[in-house]
Amino acid sequence: MTVETLHKGDQGSQVRQLQKLLVQRGYPADINGAFDTKTWQAARAFQTQNLDQHGQPLVVDGVVGPLTWWSLQNPKPFIRTPTAVDYSVLPARGGSKRGRAALAAAIGELKANAREIGGDNRGAFVRKYLAPAGLDEGNSWCAGFVSFCFMQAAGGDRKAMPFAYTASARTLLAEFKDNGWASAPGSGYTPVPGDIVVWWRVSLAGWLGHVGLVHSVQDGMLYTIEGNHSPRVQGFSYVLSRMDKLLGFGHLP
């Protein structure tokens, strides 16, 4: 059937179908055919963690249009990006000892084909990254992945980490700032292997964020390894001088 664009306050069979899809994907809503506040909150939560068919983040507005409908009815798409670097190889130089060790752990996860299994933000790998933060699968796991890599760099001992294990990208950047390890956008800092890079999501003043590990910088391009940008641990590239929504970099000495 042709789907309609749904807004808060709408009612009917398509709202009921929306609610069923949200519940199936792990976002709680009452299946009552009324686009109420709980359904609106569930739709926004879904939008913060999912992509459209082009691999782009959904707009987080609680309006369920064609892109959100597609994402609700299809698995999160894999993103394949051309690259000039081999993400499976640790750069020969650059970065601190602890940063390089965390990057090596990230490369190990990439080689292990770490990914979501059985649905969005679900599966054994996701559970592994979230468990030390006290969270269950179903939550965003980008910061959990980065924390896990630094935990591996500390010998697998969470208590030996130089910062608290967290599943929040913004909290991770805040810890780096508190320790004097962060560089703001526009500061002129050039990131090195094993640094963290943090972006804001939805709103600069909000609480949502995304984080990855720097693999390398070459010819004005930033190469990263990230979790939860797509359904798997994967490498991505950016023009360093044109990074949208950048909150900053963090360098662990």
C-alpha atoms as a PDB file:
ATOM      1  CA  MET A   1       0.000   0.000   0.000  1.00  0.00           C
ATOM      2  CA  THR A   2       1.021   3.625  -0.474  1.00  0.00           C
ATOM      3  CA  VAL A   3       2.313   5.044   2.770  1.00  0.00           C
ATOM      4  CA  GLU A   4       1.444   8.490   4.023  1.00  0.00           C
ATOM      5  CA  THR A   5       3.650  11.008   5.774  1.00  0.00           C
ATOM      6  CA  LEU A   6       2.577  10.803   9.399  1.00  0.00           C
ATOM      7  CA  HIS A   7       2.711  13.498  12.064  1.00  0.00           C
ATOM      8  CA  LYS A   8       2.032  13.631  15.765  1.00  0.00           C
ATOM      9  CA  GLY A   9      -1.734  13.676  16.260  1.00  0.00           C
ATOM     10  CA  ASP A  10      -2.567  11.518  13.233  1.00  0.00           C
ATOM     11  CA  GLN A  11      -4.726   8.428  13.639  1.00  0.00           C
ATOM     12  CA  GLY A  12      -5.580   5.348  11.636  1.00  0.00           C
ATOM     13  CA  SER A  13      -4.342   2.070  10.217  1.00  0.00           C
ATOM     14  CA  GLN A  14      -1.031   3.466   8.959  1.00  0.00           C
ATOM     15  CA  VAL A  15      -0.236   4.822  12.405  1.00  0.00           C
ATOM     16  CA  ARG A  16      -0.932   1.344  13.758  1.00  0.00           C
ATOM     17  CA  GLN A  17       1.446  -0.133  11.128  1.00  0.00           C
ATOM     18  CA  LEU A  18       4.077   2.420  12.138  1.00  0.00           C
ATOM     19  CA  GLN A  19       3.701   1.420  15.781  1.00  0.00           C
ATOM     20  CA  LYS A  20       4.056  -2.276  14.928  1.00  0.00           C
ATOM     21  CA  LEU A  21       7.266  -1.593  12.966  1.00  0.00           C
ATOM     22  CA  LEU A  22       8.699   0.533  15.769  1.00  0.00           C
ATOM     23  CA  VAL A  23       8.012  -2.204  18.321  1.00  0.00           C
ATOM     24  CA  GLN A  24       9.537  -4.855  16.025  1.00  0.00           C
ATOM     25  CA  ARG A  25      12.692  -2.760  15.772  1.00  0.00           C
ATOM     26  CA  GLY A  26      12.919  -2.388  19.562  1.00  0.00           C
ATOM     27  CA  TYR A  27      11.380   1.084  20.056  1.00  0.00           C
ATOM     28  CA  PRO A  28       8.467   0.905  22.516  1.00  0.00           C
ATOM     29  CA  ALA A  29       5.101   2.265  21.397  1.00  0.00           C
ATOM     30  CA  ASP A  30       1.498   1.431  22.183  1.00  0.00           C
ATOM     31  CA  ILE A  31      -0.195  -0.169  19.158  1.00  0.00           C
ATOM     32  CA  ASN A  32      -3.376   1.867  19.362  1.00  0.00           C
ATOM     33  CA  GLY A  33      -3.555   3.665  16.006  1.00  0.00           C
ATOM     34  CA  ALA A  34      -2.997   7.079  17.594  1.00  0.00           C
ATOM     35  CA  PHE A  35       0.228   8.997  16.872  1.00  0.00           C
ATOM     36  CA  ASP A  36       0.644  10.020  20.481  1.00  0.00           C
ATOM     37  CA  THR A  37       3.614  11.343  22.433  1.00  0.00           C
ATOM     38  CA  LYS A  38       5.019   7.856  23.091  1.00  0.00           C
ATOM     39  CA  THR A  39       4.903   7.040  19.373  1.00  0.00           C
ATOM     40  CA  TRP A  40       6.508  10.392  18.508  1.00  0.00           C
ATOM     41  CA  GLN A  41       9.303   9.742  21.012  1.00  0.00           C
ATOM     42  CA  ALA A  42       9.837   6.238  19.605  1.00  0.00           C
ATOM     43  CA  ALA A  43       9.959   7.603  16.043  1.00  0.00           C
ATOM     44  CA  ARG A  44      12.561  10.209  17.031  1.00  0.00           C
ATOM     45  CA  ALA A  45      14.635   7.597  18.857  1.00  0.00           C
ATOM     46  CA  PHE A  46      14.545   5.408  15.753  1.00  0.00           C
ATOM     47  CA  GLN A  47      15.581   8.326  13.550  1.00  0.00           C
ATOM     48  CA  THR A  48      18.609   9.121  15.728  1.00  0.00           C
ATOM     49  CA  GLN A  49      20.022   5.613  15.205  1.00  0.00           C
ATOM     50  CA  ASN A  50      19.187   4.754  11.603  1.00  0.00           C
ATOM     51  CA  LEU A  51      20.010   5.646   7.999  1.00  0.00           C
ATOM     52  CA  ASP A  52      18.092   6.156   4.797  1.00  0.00           C
ATOM     53  CA  GLN A  53      18.615   4.092   1.633  1.00  0.00           C
ATOM     54  CA  HIS A  54      21.490   6.383   0.637  1.00  0.00           C
ATOM     55  CA  GLY A  55      23.397   5.716   3.846  1.00  0.00           C
ATOM     56  CA  GLN A  56      22.614   9.172   5.266  1.00  0.00           C
ATOM     57  CA  PRO A  57      21.351   9.773   8.838  1.00  0.00           C
ATOM     58  CA  LEU A  58      17.623  10.308   9.071  1.00  0.00           C
ATOM     59  CA  VAL A  59      16.353  13.765  10.009  1.00  0.00           C
ATOM     60  CA  VAL A  60      15.302  13.619  13.656  1.00  0.00           C
ATOM     61  CA  ASP A  61      11.954  15.424  13.651  1.00  0.00           C
ATOM     62  CA  GLY A  62       9.413  12.756  14.599  1.00  0.00           C
ATOM     63  CA  VAL A  63       7.771  13.093  11.170  1.00  0.00           C
ATOM     64  CA  VAL A  64       7.501   9.718   9.455  1.00  0.00           C
ATOM     65  CA  GLY A  65       7.977  10.361   5.755  1.00  0.00           C
ATOM     66  CA  PRO A  66       9.239   8.176   2.869  1.00  0.00           C
ATOM     67  CA  LEU A  67      12.828   7.924   4.117  1.00  0.00           C
ATOM     68  CA  THR A  68      11.825   6.895   7.644  1.00  0.00           C
ATOM     69  CA  TRP A  69       9.257   4.437   6.258  1.00  0.00           C
ATOM     70  CA  TRP A  70      11.975   2.886   4.071  1.00  0.00           C
ATOM     71  CA  SER A  71      14.378   2.621   6.996  1.00  0.00           C
ATOM     72  CA  LEU A  72      11.710   0.995   9.193  1.00  0.00           C
ATOM     73  CA  GLN A  73      11.072  -1.667   6.561  1.00  0.00           C
ATOM     74  CA  ASN A  74      14.664  -2.392   5.502  1.00  0.00           C
ATOM     75  CA  PRO A  75      17.913  -3.350   7.266  1.00  0.00           C
ATOM     76  CA  LYS A  76      20.373  -0.551   7.916  1.00  0.00           C
ATOM     77  CA  PRO A  77      22.358  -0.251   4.653  1.00  0.00           C
ATOM     78  CA  PHE A  78      26.037  -1.026   4.420  1.00  0.00           C
ATOM     79  CA  ILE A  79      28.034   1.981   3.239  1.00  0.00           C
ATOM     80  CA  ARG A  80      30.800   1.298   0.774  1.00  0.00           C
ATOM     81  CA  THR A  81      33.201   4.186   0.303  1.00  0.00           C
ATOM     82  CA  PRO A  82      36.272   4.281  -1.968  1.00  0.00           C
ATOM     83  CA  THR A  83      39.487   4.894  -0.060  1.00  0.00           C
ATOM     84  CA  ALA A  84      43.166   5.506  -0.644  1.00  0.00           C
ATOM     85  CA  VAL A  85      44.277   3.691   2.524  1.00  0.00           C
ATOM     86  CA  ASP A  86      44.211   0.132   3.796  1.00  0.00           C
ATOM     87  CA  TYR A  87      42.288   0.311   7.071  1.00  0.00           C
ATOM     88  CA  SER A  88      43.411  -3.190   7.993  1.00  0.00           C
ATOM     89  CA  VAL A  89      47.028  -2.042   8.398  1.00  0.00           C
ATOM     90  CA  LEU A  90      48.302   0.015  11.331  1.00  0.00           C
ATOM     91  CA  PRO A  91      50.060   3.172  10.068  1.00  0.00           C
ATOM     92  CA  ALA A  92      53.836   2.889  10.264  1.00  0.00           C
ATOM     93  CA  ARG A  93      54.217   5.973  12.409  1.00  0.00           C
ATOM     94  CA  GLY A  94      52.333   8.636  14.338  1.00  0.00           C
ATOM     95  CA  GLY A  95      50.265   8.718  17.494  1.00  0.00           C
ATOM     96  CA  SER A  96      50.937   7.878  21.111  1.00  0.00           C
ATOM     97  CA  LYS A  97      51.656   4.390  22.393  1.00  0.00           C
ATOM     98  CA  ARG A  98      48.216   4.066  23.986  1.00  0.00           C
ATOM     99  CA  GLY A  99      46.439   5.605  21.009  1.00  0.00           C
ATOM    100  CA  ARG A 100      48.160   3.255  18.590  1.00  0.00           C
ATOM    101  CA  ALA A 101      47.292   0.285  20.796  1.00  0.00           C
ATOM    102  CA  ALA A 102      43.615   1.326  20.745  1.00  0.00           C
ATOM    103  CA  LEU A 103      43.768   1.714  16.966  1.00  0.00           C
ATOM    104  CA  ALA A 104      45.331  -1.738  16.674  1.00  0.00           C
ATOM    105  CA  ALA A 105      42.393  -3.125  18.670  1.00  0.00           C
ATOM    106  CA  ALA A 106      39.966  -1.355  16.312  1.00  0.00           C
ATOM    107  CA  ILE A 107      41.736  -2.870  13.312  1.00  0.00           C
ATOM    108  CA  GLY A 108      41.418  -6.275  14.966  1.00  0.00           C
ATOM    109  CA  GLU A 109      37.657  -5.779  15.310  1.00  0.00           C
ATOM    110  CA  LEU A 110      37.436  -4.634  11.683  1.00  0.00           C
ATOM    111  CA  LYS A 111      39.275  -7.774  10.554  1.00  0.00           C
ATOM    112  CA  ALA A 112      36.926  -9.871  12.685  1.00  0.00           C
ATOM    113  CA  ASN A 113      34.009  -8.395  10.692  1.00  0.00           C
ATOM    114  CA  ALA A 114      32.507  -6.890  13.838  1.00  0.00           C
ATOM    115  CA  ARG A 115      28.943  -5.913  13.032  1.00  0.00           C
ATOM    116  CA  GLU A 116      25.322  -5.828  14.089  1.00  0.00           C
ATOM    117  CA  ILE A 117      23.656  -9.235  13.979  1.00  0.00           C
ATOM    118  CA  GLY A 118      19.915  -9.784  14.211  1.00  0.00           C
ATOM    119  CA  GLY A 119      18.790  -6.167  13.957  1.00  0.00           C
ATOM    120  CA  ASP A 120      19.767  -2.566  14.599  1.00  0.00           C
ATOM    121  CA  ASN A 121      22.266  -2.178  17.456  1.00  0.00           C
ATOM    122  CA  ARG A 122      22.054  -5.885  18.267  1.00  0.00           C
ATOM    123  CA  GLY A 123      24.261  -8.947  18.301  1.00  0.00           C
ATOM    124  CA  ALA A 124      27.277 -10.367  20.103  1.00  0.00           C
ATOM    125  CA  PHE A 125      29.687  -7.641  19.037  1.00  0.00           C
ATOM    126  CA  VAL A 126      27.339  -4.864  20.141  1.00  0.00           C
ATOM    127  CA  ARG A 127      26.785  -6.580  23.494  1.00  0.00           C
ATOM    128  CA  LYS A 128      30.555  -6.855  23.938  1.00  0.00           C
ATOM    129  CA  TYR A 129      31.024  -3.117  23.407  1.00  0.00           C
ATOM    130  CA  LEU A 130      28.097  -2.010  25.584  1.00  0.00           C
ATOM    131  CA  ALA A 131      28.344  -4.442  28.520  1.00  0.00           C
ATOM    132  CA  PRO A 132      31.260  -2.691  30.312  1.00  0.00           C
ATOM    133  CA  ALA A 133      29.173   0.504  30.264  1.00  0.00           C
ATOM    134  CA  GLY A 134      26.285  -1.348  31.914  1.00  0.00           C
ATOM    135  CA  LEU A 135      24.058  -1.189  28.837  1.00  0.00           C
ATOM    136  CA  ASP A 136      22.199  -3.838  26.872  1.00  0.00           C
ATOM    137  CA  GLU A 137      22.107  -4.277  23.112  1.00  0.00           C
ATOM    138  CA  GLY A 138      19.708  -1.926  21.389  1.00  0.00           C
ATOM    139  CA  ASN A 139      21.654   1.175  22.378  1.00  0.00           C
ATOM    140  CA  SER A 140      23.969   3.156  20.107  1.00  0.00           C
ATOM    141  CA  TRP A 141      27.418   1.598  20.260  1.00  0.00           C
ATOM    142  CA  CYS A 142      29.919   3.974  18.609  1.00  0.00           C
ATOM    143  CA  ALA A 143      31.374   5.205  21.922  1.00  0.00           C
ATOM    144  CA  GLY A 144      31.197   1.735  23.422  1.00  0.00           C
ATOM    145  CA  PHE A 145      33.311   0.519  20.513  1.00  0.00           C
ATOM    146  CA  VAL A 146      35.926   3.261  21.050  1.00  0.00           C
ATOM    147  CA  SER A 147      35.945   2.641  24.809  1.00  0.00           C
ATOM    148  CA  PHE A 148      36.379  -1.079  24.172  1.00  0.00           C
ATOM    149  CA  CYS A 149      39.422  -0.398  21.987  1.00  0.00           C
ATOM    150  CA  PHE A 150      41.047   1.703  24.702  1.00  0.00           C
ATOM    151  CA  MET A 151      40.201  -0.973  27.267  1.00  0.00           C
ATOM    152  CA  GLN A 152      42.041  -3.492  25.096  1.00  0.00           C
ATOM    153  CA  ALA A 153      44.965  -1.058  24.978  1.00  0.00           C
ATOM    154  CA  ALA A 154      44.925  -1.179  28.794  1.00  0.00           C
ATOM    155  CA  GLY A 155      45.286  -4.950  28.782  1.00  0.00           C
ATOM    156  CA  GLY A 156      41.540  -5.588  28.826  1.00  0.00           C
ATOM    157  CA  ASP A 157      41.225  -4.072  32.328  1.00  0.00           C
ATOM    158  CA  ARG A 158      38.513  -1.438  32.531  1.00  0.00           C
ATOM    159  CA  LYS A 159      39.958  -0.096  35.778  1.00  0.00           C
ATOM    160  CA  ALA A 160      43.331   0.466  34.126  1.00  0.00           C
ATOM    161  CA  MET A 161      41.861   2.732  31.442  1.00  0.00           C
ATOM    162  CA  PRO A 162      42.928   6.416  31.538  1.00  0.00           C
ATOM    163  CA  PHE A 163      39.258   7.476  31.380  1.00  0.00           C
ATOM    164  CA  ALA A 164      35.927   5.972  32.391  1.00  0.00           C
ATOM    165  CA  TYR A 165      34.400   3.450  29.999  1.00  0.00           C
ATOM    166  CA  THR A 166      31.409   5.148  28.411  1.00  0.00           C
ATOM    167  CA  ALA A 167      28.835   4.610  25.670  1.00  0.00           C
ATOM    168  CA  SER A 168      28.358   8.375  25.189  1.00  0.00           C
ATOM    169  CA  ALA A 169      30.399  10.195  22.533  1.00  0.00           C
ATOM    170  CA  ARG A 170      29.957  13.590  24.194  1.00  0.00           C
ATOM    171  CA  THR A 171      30.876  12.226  27.617  1.00  0.00           C
ATOM    172  CA  LEU A 172      34.028  10.742  26.113  1.00  0.00           C
ATOM    173  CA  LEU A 173      35.029  14.089  24.608  1.00  0.00           C
ATOM    174  CA  ALA A 174      34.236  15.832  27.913  1.00  0.00           C
ATOM    175  CA  GLU A 175      36.646  13.501  29.726  1.00  0.00           C
ATOM    176  CA  PHE A 176      39.362  14.310  27.219  1.00  0.00           C
ATOM    177  CA  LYS A 177      38.669  18.031  27.696  1.00  0.00           C
ATOM    178  CA  ASP A 178      38.824  17.716  31.483  1.00  0.00           C
ATOM    179  CA  ASN A 179      42.263  16.116  31.158  1.00  0.00           C
ATOM    180  CA  GLY A 180      43.577  18.669  28.677  1.00  0.00           C
ATOM    181  CA  TRP A 181      43.668  16.103  25.866  1.00  0.00           C
ATOM    182  CA  ALA A 182      41.136  17.742  23.502  1.00  0.00           C
ATOM    183  CA  SER A 183      41.467  20.127  20.553  1.00  0.00           C
ATOM    184  CA  ALA A 184      38.561  22.212  19.312  1.00  0.00           C
ATOM    185  CA  PRO A 185      37.545  22.667  15.665  1.00  0.00           C
ATOM    186  CA  GLY A 186      39.531  25.461  14.094  1.00  0.00           C
ATOM    187  CA  SER A 187      42.410  25.092  16.536  1.00  0.00           C
ATOM    188  CA  GLY A 188      44.804  24.037  13.785  1.00  0.00           C
ATOM    189  CA  TYR A 189      45.413  20.653  15.388  1.00  0.00           C
ATOM    190  CA  THR A 190      46.213  17.829  12.972  1.00  0.00           C
ATOM    191  CA  PRO A 191      44.978  14.490  14.342  1.00  0.00           C
ATOM    192  CA  VAL A 192      47.253  11.455  14.494  1.00  0.00           C
ATOM    193  CA  PRO A 193      46.611   7.691  14.541  1.00  0.00           C
ATOM    194  CA  GLY A 194      44.683   6.595  17.629  1.00  0.00           C
ATOM    195  CA  ASP A 195      43.091   9.984  18.338  1.00  0.00           C
ATOM    196  CA  ILE A 196      39.343  10.198  18.821  1.00  0.00           C
ATOM    197  CA  VAL A 197      37.144  12.375  16.611  1.00  0.00           C
ATOM    198  CA  VAL A 198      33.715  13.442  17.842  1.00  0.00           C
ATOM    199  CA  TRP A 199      30.745  14.910  15.973  1.00  0.00           C
ATOM    200  CA  TRP A 200      27.429  16.309  17.182  1.00  0.00           C
ATOM    201  CA  ARG A 201      24.161  14.815  15.970  1.00  0.00           C
ATOM    202  CA  VAL A 202      20.744  16.440  15.624  1.00  0.00           C
ATOM    203  CA  SER A 203      21.727  19.616  17.514  1.00  0.00           C
ATOM    204  CA  LEU A 204      25.009  21.266  18.490  1.00  0.00           C
ATOM    205  CA  ALA A 205      23.529  22.058  21.895  1.00  0.00           C
ATOM    206  CA  GLY A 206      21.961  18.623  22.346  1.00  0.00           C
ATOM    207  CA  TRP A 207      23.280  15.426  23.902  1.00  0.00           C
ATOM    208  CA  LEU A 208      23.571  13.123  20.890  1.00  0.00           C
ATOM    209  CA  GLY A 209      26.956  12.551  19.295  1.00  0.00           C
ATOM    210  CA  HIS A 210      29.106  10.173  17.303  1.00  0.00           C
ATOM    211  CA  VAL A 211      32.749   9.163  17.765  1.00  0.00           C
ATOM    212  CA  GLY A 212      35.383   7.279  15.827  1.00  0.00           C
ATOM    213  CA  LEU A 213      39.098   6.553  15.943  1.00  0.00           C
ATOM    214  CA  VAL A 214      41.561   8.295  13.655  1.00  0.00           C
ATOM    215  CA  HIS A 215      43.400   5.877  11.387  1.00  0.00           C
ATOM    216  CA  SER A 216      45.526   8.408   9.510  1.00  0.00           C
ATOM    217  CA  VAL A 217      45.699  11.785   7.767  1.00  0.00           C
ATOM    218  CA  GLN A 218      46.969  11.960   4.194  1.00  0.00           C
ATOM    219  CA  ASP A 219      46.849  14.742   1.606  1.00  0.00           C
ATOM    220  CA  GLY A 220      44.173  16.686   3.467  1.00  0.00           C
ATOM    221  CA  MET A 221      41.974  13.636   4.050  1.00  0.00           C
ATOM    222  CA  LEU A 222      41.056  12.203   7.446  1.00  0.00           C
ATOM    223  CA  TYR A 223      40.634   8.425   7.578  1.00  0.00           C
ATOM    224  CA  THR A 224      38.793   6.859  10.505  1.00  0.00           C
ATOM    225  CA  ILE A 225      37.566   3.540  11.860  1.00  0.00           C
ATOM    226  CA  GLU A 226      34.081   3.810  13.334  1.00  0.00           C
ATOM    227  CA  GLY A 227      31.366   1.649  14.796  1.00  0.00           C
ATOM    228  CA  ASN A 228      27.640   2.302  14.300  1.00  0.00           C
ATOM    229  CA  HIS A 229      28.126   4.699  11.374  1.00  0.00           C
ATOM    230  CA  SER A 230      26.982   1.687   9.367  1.00  0.00           C
ATOM    231  CA  PRO A 231      25.961  -1.741  10.717  1.00  0.00           C
ATOM    232  CA  ARG A 232      29.600  -2.788  11.040  1.00  0.00           C
ATOM    233  CA  VAL A 233      33.015  -1.573  12.153  1.00  0.00           C
ATOM    234  CA  GLN A 234      34.242   0.177   9.047  1.00  0.00           C
ATOM    235  CA  GLY A 235      36.648   2.758   7.657  1.00  0.00           C
ATOM    236  CA  PHE A 236      35.486   6.184   6.479  1.00  0.00           C
ATOM    237  CA  SER A 237      37.133   9.209   4.899  1.00  0.00           C
ATOM    238  CA  TYR A 238      36.536  12.969   5.211  1.00  0.00           C
ATOM    239  CA  VAL A 239      37.983  16.160   3.794  1.00  0.00           C
ATOM    240  CA  LEU A 240      39.744  17.426   6.913  1.00  0.00           C
ATOM    241  CA  SER A 241      39.030  21.092   6.182  1.00  0.00           C
ATOM    242  CA  ARG A 242      35.308  20.502   5.537  1.00  0.00           C
ATOM    243  CA  MET A 243      34.130  18.277   8.368  1.00  0.00           C
ATOM    244  CA  ASP A 244      30.458  18.852   9.102  1.00  0.00           C
ATOM    245  CA  LYS A 245      29.257  18.815  12.736  1.00  0.00           C
ATOM    246  CA  LEU A 246      32.754  18.377  14.194  1.00  0.00           C
ATOM    247  CA  LEU A 247      32.952  18.808  17.994  1.00  0.00           C
ATOM    248  CA  GLY A 248      36.664  18.156  18.327  1.00  0.00           C
ATOM    249  CA  PHE A 249      39.540  15.735  18.541  1.00  0.00           C
ATOM    250  CA  GLY A 250      41.054  13.989  21.548  1.00  0.00           C
ATOM    251  CA  HIS A 251      44.664  12.826  21.864  1.00  0.00           C
ATOM    252  CA  LEU A 252      45.673  10.438  24.638  1.00  0.00           C
ATOM    253  CA  PRO A 253      49.342  11.106  25.509  1.00  0.00           C
END
